[in-house]
Structure formats: structure tokens, C-alpha cells
Amino acid sequence: MKSSHCSIAGLLLAVLVFSGCRSSAETPSAEGPVKMELRQVDGRYELFRDGEPFYIHGAGLEFGDIERLAQHGANSFRTWRTDNGRDTGDEVLRRAHEAGLVVTMGLEIAREREGEGRGFFGFDYDDEEAVAEQLERIRAEVMQYKDHPALIIWGIGNELNLGATNPRVWDAVNDISKMIHEIDPNHLTTTMLAGIWQELADDIQTRAPDLDLISIQMYADIENLPRYIEEIGWEGPFMVTEWGATGHWEVPSTPWGAALENNSSVKADDYLRRYQTVIEPMRDQCVGSYVFLWGQKQERTPTWYGMFLPTGEETETIDVMHYVWNGAWPENRSPRLEQALLDGKEAREGIYLHPGQSYAALVSSVDPDGDALRYEWEVRRESTAQSTGGDDEEVPEHIANALDRVDAPEVTLTAPAEEGAYRLFVYVYDDEGHAAHANIPFYVES
């Protein structure tokens, strides 16, 4: 971090941790760039936008509903790249501006690790020519978007430390940050980190001091973040740029290795606790946070990380974020799921079924508003994906005709004829735009 940007001499980087400063982002009247600053006020780090304090109440958003995010009381969102393949950066910034939101704009930086998607993997940071080409690519992106009034922060890469061994990546990040500060004096720079520990903090502190702050991304382990910050002696500002559901690598598994996903109500309880006990109390250093994910994606399942269903309904995690952003619950709330059983067992019990035999499945749920509930069940093969870092995955195959009906709280499942791992999904809708969900892994054996 540059002392000229955050008044920090030896203070290094800030960790991006979402948490907002105002319930909505007030748009200055003037078009063109809006000055962002990071200051230390009475021993506390604060963002200032156009001279006014600004605390980030945000969400990670790539293809999600920008307008609905604003309606729920957020003031910002982050992206992972300038052009997501569906919308250009110009379109994203325009829609944000019209909705009264501001953007931490991602700059896609190549990763050392192997992975799938868009060709930004397997990069060699010892290849000086490739590093220089990347710098010029990023310069062009910054030049294109730097004067938009909705822009607040540049996010230089996402989890570049994940699966990486070459510390020269941070030299490249520092050079990109320096370039940005030379051509764009109005906006801050950060990089998004998968976790935080002493060696990583030391590398960034030593090799990337030009960053204005750092951003930290953690899931269940975020509950240990205050301890980590204290143990490594981090005294600078930070954001939390991804946090939310317990990760698929952090949960128990079935005997055959299927990760046990929490239902939507357990997730909502986790979101609320993690915000109130971790993010909110760290306001002296944490300048805001971005919850994950304002949208939907396939990652191990179609429901694990998205706060919306694939069909667009809001889940209980959105109720929670509405509450923390506004201090009041939404007018109509999502159904609450109490229990889901297959063959009288919960998912954690490790459920084995026999081909062609029938088994009862049931779900128990309530609606806080007394709305009538509608049900939908489906069976899919278990995902075989082994991807990391949110890489692209295929939605597992749907198994047709496995259920006697799909629209009741109690149904009968006929186990598929083919041996293997499967997952039973249930969705509970209130027909007011909200839903609950759960799934149960099971294994068919002869």
C-alpha cells in the first residue's frame, strides 16, 4: 500500500472484506470519475467517496440482478473481470450507476495453477515477455473504464495465491498497481486473496507495497479471521470480498465422498452469525464486504453458493443480507426448511439404496408469512467435478422418472438401476418469489 493513498507508511495492504458504509450508494451529480480515498480517522480505516465516508455493503455479482441488489439495500458489488462474456464492462458500470450502486471492478490476471475457463491458467511468472504483455492488456482495460462514475476500486486478480508457488506473481501485481495509480489517480487498488497467513502477508507486504488495501476471501474459516489478523500482526485496512456458505471442502462427506451441503436455512443462520460476529466487529480495519454469490452457479451442486435458485427465486440468505444492510427484515420472507429425509434418514447418516426399490422421502418446512407452499423434487447424478477456485463445472445429469410425483412434501423415490452416487434435491416455493432448498446424497448398490 502506498502511504500517499492511505496515509500508511509501513502499513501495507488492506484486506477486502465486505461490509457497507451506507445503505445505498449516493451518486454524485457530476459525471466522470469520482475520487476514492482510504483514510485513517481516529485510529480507524475508512473509505471516502467524493469526500464522504463510504462503508461497503456489497455482494459478488457476475450475472446476478443488479437492480434487485440495490432494492435490498446494498451499495456496491464486485466483479471478477471487466467483460464477463455476456455483458461488457461499460454495460455493467452503466447499470450499476443507474441503480445507484458502485463497483469494485475485477481485472482478470493469469493464475499459475491449472484450471478451466477463458485461458488464464498455467501462467509462468518467470516469463518476462508474457508478464509484460499482461501488463499492457490490463492497461488498456483500465484506460477504457477508469473515468466511469460508478467505479471505486480495481481488484487485481482473484485468488492468485491459490495453488501457486512463484512469489513473482506479487511483483506483477505491484507493477499493475503502480501502472493504475499513474494513469488513474481517482481509484484504489487491491488484490483478492484465498485466506490469509503469515507467509502470504509477508510476501504481499514486501513485494506488492503499492496496493492500497488487500481483500480476503474465506467461507466457514472466516470465523477465525479475527484471530488470524491478530496472529500475523496485520495492522492495515482490508475488505472481505467473498464470504458466505460453508465451502464444499469444509463440510463432512458421505462414506463414498459426497460433500454434505447445508440446507438453505442453515446457510442463512451461518450468514447472519458470520456477519454479526466477524465482519461487523472488525470495523476498525475492515472497510466493507461482498457476500457470495448474488446469483446462481453450478459448483458441486446448483445450489451450494448461489443466493438465488436457477429459476430466479430468492433464498433465505437474501433475507439475512436485507436485514444486515437495512436493520429490518424484508416485508415477505423466504420459507424456512426444518428437515429433509430419505428412507427415514438425514443426509449425514450415509444413505445406501438398492436398485429398483422404493423409498419414502419427505421435507418439513414453514413459511414466516403463512404463505401456501409448493414443492418440487428431482434426482441428479452426483457431480464428479474436482475443480478448485470456482472454475467452470457442468450441471450433473437429471435422472427422469425416479419419483412417483414431484409436487408434494412427501414423495416416493425408486432407486435408479445403475449403481453409483446420486443426489435428491427438494425445493420449497412460496410463490412470492422466494424458496428454500435441501439435497440428500445417496448411493445405489446391488
Protein backbone atom coordinates (compact mmCIF):
# COMPACT_ATOMS: atom_id res chain seq x y z
CA MET A 1 0.00 0.00 0.00
CA LYS A 2 1.21 3.45 -0.79
CA SER A 3 1.35 5.92 2.06
CA SER A 4 0.15 8.58 -0.38
CA HIS A 5 -3.05 6.61 -0.92
CA CYS A 6 -3.95 5.56 2.62
CA SER A 7 -1.71 7.56 4.89
CA ILE A 8 0.08 4.36 5.84
CA ALA A 9 3.81 4.36 5.87
CA GLY A 10 4.76 0.90 6.92
CA LEU A 11 1.25 -0.23 6.91
CA LEU A 12 0.91 -2.32 3.85
CA LEU A 13 -2.19 -3.76 2.41
CA ALA A 14 -5.78 -3.79 3.27
CA VAL A 15 -7.84 -6.91 3.10
CA LEU A 16 -11.02 -6.54 1.10
CA VAL A 17 -13.78 -7.55 3.47
CA PHE A 18 -17.31 -6.61 2.52
CA SER A 19 -19.44 -4.61 4.88
CA GLY A 20 -21.04 -1.33 3.74
CA CYS A 21 -20.89 2.23 4.98
CA ARG A 22 -24.24 3.46 3.71
CA SER A 23 -27.43 1.64 2.84
CA SER A 24 -27.18 2.88 -0.74
CA ALA A 25 -24.52 4.49 -2.87
CA GLU A 26 -25.46 8.09 -3.40
CA THR A 27 -24.41 9.09 -6.89
CA PRO A 28 -22.58 12.42 -7.11
CA SER A 29 -24.17 14.86 -9.50
CA ALA A 30 -21.08 15.24 -11.67
CA GLU A 31 -20.41 12.70 -14.41
CA GLY A 32 -16.91 11.38 -14.84
CA PRO A 33 -14.63 9.79 -12.24
CA VAL A 34 -15.41 10.12 -8.54
CA LYS A 35 -12.46 10.33 -6.17
CA MET A 36 -11.96 7.42 -3.77
CA GLU A 37 -9.67 7.70 -0.74
CA LEU A 38 -8.66 5.47 2.13
CA ARG A 39 -8.02 7.39 5.35
CA GLN A 40 -7.24 6.61 8.95
CA VAL A 41 -9.64 8.51 11.18
CA ASP A 42 -9.32 8.28 14.97
CA GLY A 43 -7.41 5.02 14.61
CA ARG A 44 -9.97 3.53 12.24
CA TYR A 45 -9.68 2.96 8.50
CA GLU A 46 -12.46 4.36 6.35
CA LEU A 47 -13.17 4.69 2.68
CA PHE A 48 -14.21 8.11 1.42
CA ARG A 49 -16.08 8.62 -1.84
CA ASP A 50 -16.26 12.19 -3.10
CA GLY A 51 -15.15 13.26 0.38
CA GLU A 52 -17.91 11.35 2.20
CA PRO A 53 -17.43 8.22 4.37
CA PHE A 54 -18.39 5.07 2.49
CA TYR A 55 -18.66 1.61 4.04
CA ILE A 56 -19.20 -1.24 1.59
CA HIS A 57 -22.41 -3.24 1.88
CA GLY A 58 -21.93 -5.41 -1.14
CA ALA A 59 -22.20 -8.69 -2.98
CA GLY A 60 -20.21 -10.60 -5.55
CA LEU A 61 -22.13 -10.33 -8.78
CA GLU A 62 -21.34 -11.50 -12.28
CA PHE A 63 -24.67 -12.41 -13.90
CA GLY A 64 -26.96 -11.56 -10.98
CA ASP A 65 -29.74 -8.99 -10.76
CA ILE A 66 -28.12 -5.58 -10.24
CA GLU A 67 -31.39 -3.75 -9.73
CA ARG A 68 -32.65 -6.22 -7.14
CA LEU A 69 -29.37 -5.89 -5.24
CA ALA A 70 -29.99 -2.15 -4.93
CA GLN A 71 -33.59 -2.73 -3.86
CA HIS A 72 -32.38 -4.91 -0.98
CA GLY A 73 -30.19 -2.11 0.38
CA ALA A 74 -26.70 -2.89 -0.89
CA ASN A 75 -24.49 -0.06 -2.11
CA SER A 76 -21.86 -1.92 -4.14
CA PHE A 77 -20.94 -5.10 -5.97
CA ARG A 78 -17.72 -6.66 -7.16
CA THR A 79 -16.90 -8.40 -10.42
CA TRP A 80 -14.16 -10.88 -11.32
CA ARG A 81 -13.32 -9.34 -14.72
CA THR A 82 -14.23 -6.33 -16.83
CA ASP A 83 -16.03 -8.32 -19.53
CA ASN A 84 -17.83 -11.43 -18.33
CA GLY A 85 -18.64 -12.76 -21.77
CA ARG A 86 -22.25 -11.68 -21.54
CA ASP A 87 -22.02 -8.02 -20.57
CA THR A 88 -19.24 -5.57 -21.33
CA GLY A 89 -17.69 -3.53 -18.55
CA ASP A 90 -19.44 -0.47 -19.98
CA GLU A 91 -22.82 -2.19 -19.62
CA VAL A 92 -22.08 -3.40 -16.09
CA LEU A 93 -20.98 0.06 -14.94
CA ARG A 94 -23.90 1.75 -16.66
CA ARG A 95 -26.45 -0.50 -14.95
CA ALA A 96 -24.71 -0.06 -11.61
CA HIS A 97 -24.77 3.71 -11.97
CA GLU A 98 -28.45 3.75 -12.92
CA ALA A 99 -29.25 1.60 -9.88
CA GLY A 100 -27.25 3.85 -7.53
CA LEU A 101 -24.53 1.24 -6.93
CA VAL A 102 -20.75 1.41 -7.20
CA VAL A 103 -18.35 -1.26 -8.39
CA THR A 104 -15.13 -2.91 -7.34
CA MET A 105 -14.12 -3.92 -10.86
CA GLY A 106 -12.16 -7.12 -11.29
CA LEU A 107 -9.16 -7.31 -13.59
CA GLU A 108 -8.59 -10.88 -14.72
CA ILE A 109 -4.97 -11.80 -14.03
CA ALA A 110 -3.49 -15.12 -15.14
CA ARG A 111 -3.06 -17.82 -12.48
CA GLU A 112 -0.10 -20.11 -12.01
CA ARG A 113 -2.35 -23.07 -11.20
CA GLU A 114 -4.06 -25.22 -13.77
CA GLY A 115 -7.78 -24.74 -14.28
CA GLU A 116 -10.68 -24.46 -16.68
CA GLY A 117 -12.11 -21.42 -18.40
CA ARG A 118 -11.01 -18.46 -20.52
CA GLY A 119 -7.35 -19.50 -20.88
CA PHE A 120 -5.99 -17.64 -17.82
CA PHE A 121 -4.34 -20.66 -16.20
CA GLY A 122 -0.92 -22.31 -16.15
CA PHE A 123 0.88 -18.95 -16.32
CA ASP A 124 4.63 -18.69 -15.79
CA TYR A 125 5.55 -15.56 -13.85
CA ASP A 126 9.20 -16.11 -14.77
CA ASP A 127 8.25 -15.41 -18.40
CA GLU A 128 9.04 -11.69 -18.55
CA GLU A 129 7.59 -11.23 -22.04
CA ALA A 130 4.25 -12.77 -21.04
CA VAL A 131 4.16 -10.68 -17.86
CA ALA A 132 4.80 -7.51 -19.88
CA GLU A 133 2.04 -8.44 -22.35
CA GLN A 134 -0.37 -8.95 -19.45
CA LEU A 135 0.52 -5.52 -18.04
CA GLU A 136 -0.33 -3.88 -21.35
CA ARG A 137 -3.60 -5.80 -21.62
CA ILE A 138 -4.60 -4.55 -18.18
CA ARG A 139 -3.50 -1.00 -19.04
CA ALA A 140 -5.96 -1.00 -21.95
CA GLU A 141 -8.79 -2.18 -19.69
CA VAL A 142 -8.06 0.46 -17.08
CA MET A 143 -7.91 3.19 -19.71
CA GLN A 144 -11.30 2.08 -21.03
CA TYR A 145 -13.18 2.21 -17.73
CA LYS A 146 -11.24 4.50 -15.36
CA ASP A 147 -13.44 7.59 -15.83
CA HIS A 148 -16.78 5.95 -15.07
CA PRO A 149 -18.52 7.45 -12.00
CA ALA A 150 -19.64 4.01 -10.73
CA LEU A 151 -16.07 2.71 -10.34
CA ILE A 152 -14.49 2.72 -6.86
CA ILE A 153 -11.74 0.07 -6.66
CA TRP A 154 -9.70 -2.08 -9.04
CA GLY A 155 -9.45 -5.74 -7.99
CA ILE A 156 -6.16 -7.05 -9.43
CA GLY A 157 -6.70 -10.77 -9.88
CA ASN A 158 -8.69 -13.31 -7.92
CA GLU A 159 -7.01 -15.74 -5.51
CA LEU A 160 -3.68 -15.62 -7.31
CA ASN A 161 -2.16 -17.40 -4.31
CA LEU A 162 -4.37 -20.49 -4.75
CA GLY A 163 -2.24 -23.39 -5.97
CA ALA A 164 0.69 -21.03 -6.65
CA THR A 165 4.35 -21.33 -5.66
CA ASN A 166 6.09 -18.49 -7.52
CA PRO A 167 6.14 -15.30 -5.42
CA ARG A 168 6.92 -13.24 -8.52
CA VAL A 169 3.17 -13.07 -9.11
CA TRP A 170 3.14 -10.34 -6.43
CA ASP A 171 5.83 -8.41 -8.28
CA ALA A 172 3.50 -8.42 -11.28
CA VAL A 173 0.56 -7.34 -9.13
CA ASN A 174 2.62 -4.47 -7.74
CA ASP A 175 3.62 -3.33 -11.24
CA ILE A 176 -0.04 -3.39 -12.29
CA SER A 177 -1.00 -1.36 -9.22
CA LYS A 178 1.72 1.20 -9.94
CA MET A 179 0.57 1.47 -13.54
CA ILE A 180 -3.02 2.00 -12.41
CA HIS A 181 -2.04 4.73 -9.97
CA GLU A 182 -0.08 6.50 -12.71
CA ILE A 183 -2.98 6.63 -15.19
CA ASP A 184 -5.91 6.63 -12.74
CA PRO A 185 -5.37 8.77 -9.62
CA ASN A 186 -9.02 8.54 -8.60
CA HIS A 187 -9.40 4.89 -7.64
CA LEU A 188 -7.88 2.40 -5.21
CA THR A 189 -6.21 -0.94 -5.90
CA THR A 190 -6.46 -4.29 -4.14
CA THR A 191 -5.96 -7.99 -4.79
CA MET A 192 -8.27 -10.79 -3.70
CA LEU A 193 -6.62 -13.48 -1.57
CA ALA A 194 -7.71 -17.02 -0.77
CA GLY A 195 -7.31 -16.79 3.00
CA ILE A 196 -4.53 -15.02 4.89
CA TRP A 197 -1.48 -16.34 6.76
CA GLN A 198 1.94 -15.09 7.78
CA GLU A 199 3.99 -16.06 4.71
CA LEU A 200 1.34 -14.73 2.33
CA ALA A 201 1.02 -11.47 4.26
CA ASP A 202 4.81 -11.09 4.28
CA ASP A 203 5.02 -11.70 0.52
CA ILE A 204 2.41 -9.07 -0.24
CA GLN A 205 3.86 -6.62 2.24
CA THR A 206 7.31 -6.99 0.72
CA ARG A 207 6.54 -7.46 -2.96
CA ALA A 208 3.32 -5.51 -3.51
CA PRO A 209 3.51 -2.43 -1.27
CA ASP A 210 1.80 -0.24 -3.89
CA LEU A 211 -1.59 -1.81 -3.19
CA ASP A 212 -3.96 0.40 -1.24
CA LEU A 213 -5.53 -2.49 0.64
CA ILE A 214 -5.92 -6.24 0.50
CA SER A 215 -9.03 -8.34 0.13
CA ILE A 216 -9.58 -11.63 1.95
CA GLN A 217 -11.85 -14.45 0.85
CA MET A 218 -12.96 -17.11 3.34
CA TYR A 219 -16.01 -19.25 3.97
CA ALA A 220 -16.54 -21.24 7.19
CA ASP A 221 -12.99 -20.32 8.19
CA ILE A 222 -13.94 -16.64 8.24
CA GLU A 223 -14.97 -17.24 11.83
CA ASN A 224 -11.24 -17.47 12.60
CA LEU A 225 -10.32 -14.31 10.68
CA PRO A 226 -10.04 -12.01 13.74
CA ARG A 227 -7.56 -14.46 15.27
CA TYR A 228 -5.56 -14.74 12.03
CA ILE A 229 -5.33 -10.95 11.71
CA GLU A 230 -4.04 -10.70 15.26
CA GLU A 231 -1.58 -13.60 14.92
CA ILE A 232 0.07 -12.26 11.78
CA GLY A 233 0.14 -8.73 13.19
CA TRP A 234 -1.78 -7.20 10.29
CA GLU A 235 -2.45 -3.57 11.17
CA GLY A 236 -3.68 -2.30 7.81
CA PRO A 237 -7.12 -2.00 6.24
CA PHE A 238 -8.83 -4.83 4.41
CA MET A 239 -12.07 -5.97 2.83
CA VAL A 240 -13.72 -9.37 2.77
CA THR A 241 -14.55 -9.89 -0.89
CA GLU A 242 -16.00 -13.39 -0.69
CA TRP A 243 -17.78 -14.94 2.26
CA GLY A 244 -20.98 -16.91 2.68
CA ALA A 245 -21.90 -20.59 2.70
CA THR A 246 -19.64 -23.19 4.25
CA GLY A 247 -17.40 -24.43 1.44
CA HIS A 248 -17.69 -27.88 -0.10
CA TRP A 249 -14.14 -28.56 1.16
CA GLU A 250 -15.14 -27.61 4.73
CA VAL A 251 -18.08 -29.96 5.33
CA PRO A 252 -18.31 -33.66 6.26
CA SER A 253 -18.72 -36.18 3.45
CA THR A 254 -20.60 -39.44 2.97
CA PRO A 255 -18.65 -42.71 3.08
CA TRP A 256 -18.37 -42.55 -0.73
CA GLY A 257 -17.04 -38.99 -0.67
CA ALA A 258 -20.07 -36.81 -1.46
CA ALA A 259 -19.89 -33.47 0.35
CA LEU A 260 -22.87 -32.71 2.59
CA GLU A 261 -24.45 -29.38 1.61
CA ASN A 262 -26.27 -27.41 4.29
CA ASN A 263 -29.89 -26.59 3.58
CA SER A 264 -30.91 -23.02 2.83
CA SER A 265 -31.96 -22.24 6.40
CA VAL A 266 -28.72 -23.49 7.96
CA LYS A 267 -26.88 -21.33 5.42
CA ALA A 268 -28.96 -18.28 6.36
CA ASP A 269 -28.16 -18.80 10.04
CA ASP A 270 -24.45 -19.06 9.15
CA TYR A 271 -24.53 -15.86 7.08
CA LEU A 272 -26.11 -13.90 9.92
CA ARG A 273 -23.73 -15.21 12.56
CA ARG A 274 -20.64 -14.65 10.41
CA TYR A 275 -21.62 -11.09 9.61
CA GLN A 276 -22.54 -10.14 13.15
CA THR A 277 -19.65 -11.84 14.93
CA VAL A 278 -16.81 -11.36 12.42
CA ILE A 279 -17.31 -8.67 9.78
CA GLU A 280 -19.23 -6.05 11.73
CA PRO A 281 -16.95 -6.10 14.81
CA MET A 282 -13.81 -5.56 12.67
CA ARG A 283 -14.81 -2.09 11.51
CA ASP A 284 -11.55 -0.53 12.69
CA GLN A 285 -9.71 -2.29 9.85
CA CYS A 286 -12.42 -3.76 7.65
CA VAL A 287 -13.84 -1.20 5.23
CA GLY A 288 -16.63 -3.44 3.92
CA SER A 289 -17.55 -6.80 2.49
CA TYR A 290 -19.01 -8.56 -0.54
CA VAL A 291 -21.18 -11.58 0.17
CA PHE A 292 -21.03 -14.54 -2.22
CA LEU A 293 -22.94 -15.11 -4.51
CA TRP A 294 -25.61 -12.68 -5.71
CA GLY A 295 -26.74 -15.03 -8.45
CA GLN A 296 -26.51 -18.76 -9.11
CA LYS A 297 -23.84 -21.15 -10.32
CA GLN A 298 -23.04 -24.83 -10.53
CA GLU A 299 -20.27 -25.64 -8.08
CA ARG A 300 -20.61 -29.21 -6.80
CA THR A 301 -24.38 -28.58 -6.85
CA PRO A 302 -26.59 -25.93 -8.49
CA THR A 303 -27.49 -24.54 -5.04
CA TRP A 304 -24.31 -24.56 -2.96
CA TYR A 305 -23.16 -20.95 -3.27
CA GLY A 306 -25.89 -19.03 -5.09
CA MET A 307 -28.29 -16.91 -3.08
CA PHE A 308 -30.85 -17.43 -5.84
CA LEU A 309 -32.21 -20.64 -7.33
CA PRO A 310 -31.52 -21.42 -11.00
CA THR A 311 -35.14 -20.39 -11.64
CA GLY A 312 -34.59 -16.96 -10.04
CA GLU A 313 -36.26 -17.29 -6.63
CA GLU A 314 -34.60 -15.63 -3.63
CA THR A 315 -33.48 -17.79 -0.72
CA GLU A 316 -33.30 -17.07 3.00
CA THR A 317 -29.71 -15.82 2.75
CA ILE A 318 -31.05 -12.78 0.90
CA ASP A 319 -33.47 -12.13 3.77
CA VAL A 320 -30.43 -12.09 6.08
CA MET A 321 -28.47 -9.65 3.94
CA HIS A 322 -31.50 -7.39 3.63
CA TYR A 323 -31.64 -7.38 7.43
CA VAL A 324 -27.95 -6.53 7.97
CA TRP A 325 -28.00 -3.86 5.24
CA ASN A 326 -31.23 -2.20 6.40
CA GLY A 327 -31.73 -3.10 10.06
CA ALA A 328 -35.12 -4.63 9.25
CA TRP A 329 -36.34 -7.86 7.67
CA PRO A 330 -37.93 -7.81 4.19
CA GLU A 331 -41.68 -7.45 4.01
CA ASN A 332 -42.13 -11.01 2.75
CA ARG A 333 -39.67 -13.66 3.87
CA SER A 334 -38.50 -16.94 2.42
CA PRO A 335 -39.76 -20.35 3.58
CA ARG A 336 -37.74 -21.93 6.37
CA LEU A 337 -36.69 -25.55 5.92
CA GLU A 338 -36.70 -27.71 9.02
CA GLN A 339 -35.82 -31.22 7.84
CA ALA A 340 -35.41 -33.41 4.76
CA LEU A 341 -35.34 -37.20 5.00
CA LEU A 342 -34.82 -40.13 2.63
CA ASP A 343 -35.70 -43.61 3.84
CA GLY A 344 -36.22 -42.05 7.26
CA LYS A 345 -32.61 -40.82 7.39
CA GLU A 346 -30.82 -37.49 7.20
CA ALA A 347 -28.07 -36.94 4.65
CA ARG A 348 -25.32 -37.18 7.28
CA GLU A 349 -26.27 -40.82 8.01
CA GLY A 350 -24.90 -42.10 4.68
CA ILE A 351 -27.85 -43.48 2.72
CA TYR A 352 -27.47 -46.65 0.63
CA LEU A 353 -30.35 -47.79 -1.58
CA HIS A 354 -30.93 -50.87 -3.75
CA PRO A 355 -31.70 -50.66 -7.50
CA GLY A 356 -35.39 -50.60 -8.37
CA GLN A 357 -36.59 -50.50 -4.77
CA SER A 358 -38.88 -47.72 -3.48
CA TYR A 359 -38.12 -45.37 -0.61
CA ALA A 360 -40.06 -42.55 1.05
CA ALA A 361 -38.71 -39.00 1.02
CA LEU A 362 -40.14 -36.04 2.89
CA VAL A 363 -39.45 -32.41 3.64
CA SER A 364 -40.69 -30.30 6.54
CA SER A 365 -40.86 -26.52 6.14
CA VAL A 366 -42.75 -23.47 7.33
CA ASP A 367 -43.36 -20.01 5.93
CA PRO A 368 -42.90 -16.99 8.27
CA ASP A 369 -45.73 -15.16 6.49
CA GLY A 370 -48.13 -18.10 6.35
CA ASP A 371 -47.88 -18.31 2.55
CA ALA A 372 -49.02 -21.53 0.91
CA LEU A 373 -46.07 -23.67 -0.08
CA ARG A 374 -45.37 -25.55 -3.30
CA TYR A 375 -42.84 -28.36 -3.70
CA GLU A 376 -40.55 -29.67 -6.39
CA TRP A 377 -38.22 -32.69 -6.26
CA GLU A 378 -35.57 -34.01 -8.65
CA VAL A 379 -32.79 -36.59 -8.76
CA ARG A 380 -29.39 -35.97 -10.37
CA ARG A 381 -26.18 -37.92 -10.60
CA GLU A 382 -23.52 -36.87 -8.13
CA SER A 383 -21.06 -34.35 -9.54
CA THR A 384 -17.66 -35.77 -10.40
CA ALA A 385 -16.04 -32.33 -10.64
CA GLN A 386 -12.72 -31.85 -8.90
CA SER A 387 -12.31 -28.17 -9.80
CA THR A 388 -10.97 -25.55 -7.41
CA GLY A 389 -11.30 -21.81 -7.07
CA GLY A 390 -14.79 -21.66 -8.61
CA ASP A 391 -13.76 -22.99 -12.03
CA ASP A 392 -16.48 -23.91 -14.53
CA GLU A 393 -18.47 -27.11 -13.92
CA GLU A 394 -21.18 -28.99 -15.80
CA VAL A 395 -24.58 -29.49 -14.17
CA PRO A 396 -24.91 -33.23 -13.40
CA GLU A 397 -27.34 -35.35 -15.39
CA HIS A 398 -31.01 -35.29 -14.39
CA ILE A 399 -32.50 -38.74 -13.73
CA ALA A 400 -36.00 -38.93 -15.19
CA ASN A 401 -38.88 -40.99 -13.76
CA ALA A 402 -37.18 -41.66 -10.44
CA LEU A 403 -40.04 -40.14 -8.40
CA ASP A 404 -43.73 -41.06 -8.25
CA ARG A 405 -44.54 -37.35 -8.07
CA VAL A 406 -42.52 -34.16 -7.67
CA ASP A 407 -45.04 -31.69 -6.21
CA ALA A 408 -45.75 -32.84 -2.63
CA PRO A 409 -43.97 -32.69 0.73
CA GLU A 410 -43.82 -36.49 0.73
CA VAL A 411 -42.82 -38.48 -2.36
CA THR A 412 -41.58 -41.96 -3.25
CA LEU A 413 -38.21 -42.46 -4.91
CA THR A 414 -37.42 -45.55 -6.96
CA ALA A 415 -33.68 -46.10 -6.83
CA PRO A 416 -32.02 -45.97 -10.28
CA ALA A 417 -31.00 -49.26 -11.84
CA GLU A 418 -27.39 -48.21 -12.32
CA GLU A 419 -25.09 -48.47 -9.34
CA GLY A 420 -23.44 -45.24 -8.28
CA ALA A 421 -23.74 -41.91 -6.47
CA TYR A 422 -26.80 -39.67 -6.82
CA ARG A 423 -28.36 -36.70 -5.08
CA LEU A 424 -32.02 -35.99 -4.30
CA PHE A 425 -32.99 -32.29 -4.41
CA VAL A 426 -36.08 -30.63 -2.96
CA TYR A 427 -37.25 -27.05 -3.47
CA VAL A 428 -39.99 -25.34 -1.46
CA TYR A 429 -41.61 -22.25 -3.01
CA ASP A 430 -43.93 -19.65 -1.50
CA ASP A 431 -44.94 -18.30 -4.96
CA GLU A 432 -43.99 -14.82 -3.73
CA GLY A 433 -40.56 -15.06 -5.33
CA HIS A 434 -38.85 -16.96 -2.51
CA ALA A 435 -37.77 -20.54 -1.92
CA ALA A 436 -36.00 -22.96 0.41
CA HIS A 437 -33.91 -25.93 -0.67
CA ALA A 438 -32.11 -29.05 0.53
CA ASN A 439 -30.44 -32.07 -1.01
CA ILE A 440 -29.58 -35.57 0.12
CA PRO A 441 -26.75 -37.64 -1.39
CA PHE A 442 -27.43 -41.38 -1.73
CA TYR A 443 -25.60 -44.35 -3.17
CA VAL A 444 -27.22 -47.15 -5.15
CA GLU A 445 -25.58 -50.55 -4.62
CA SER A 446 -26.69 -54.05 -5.52
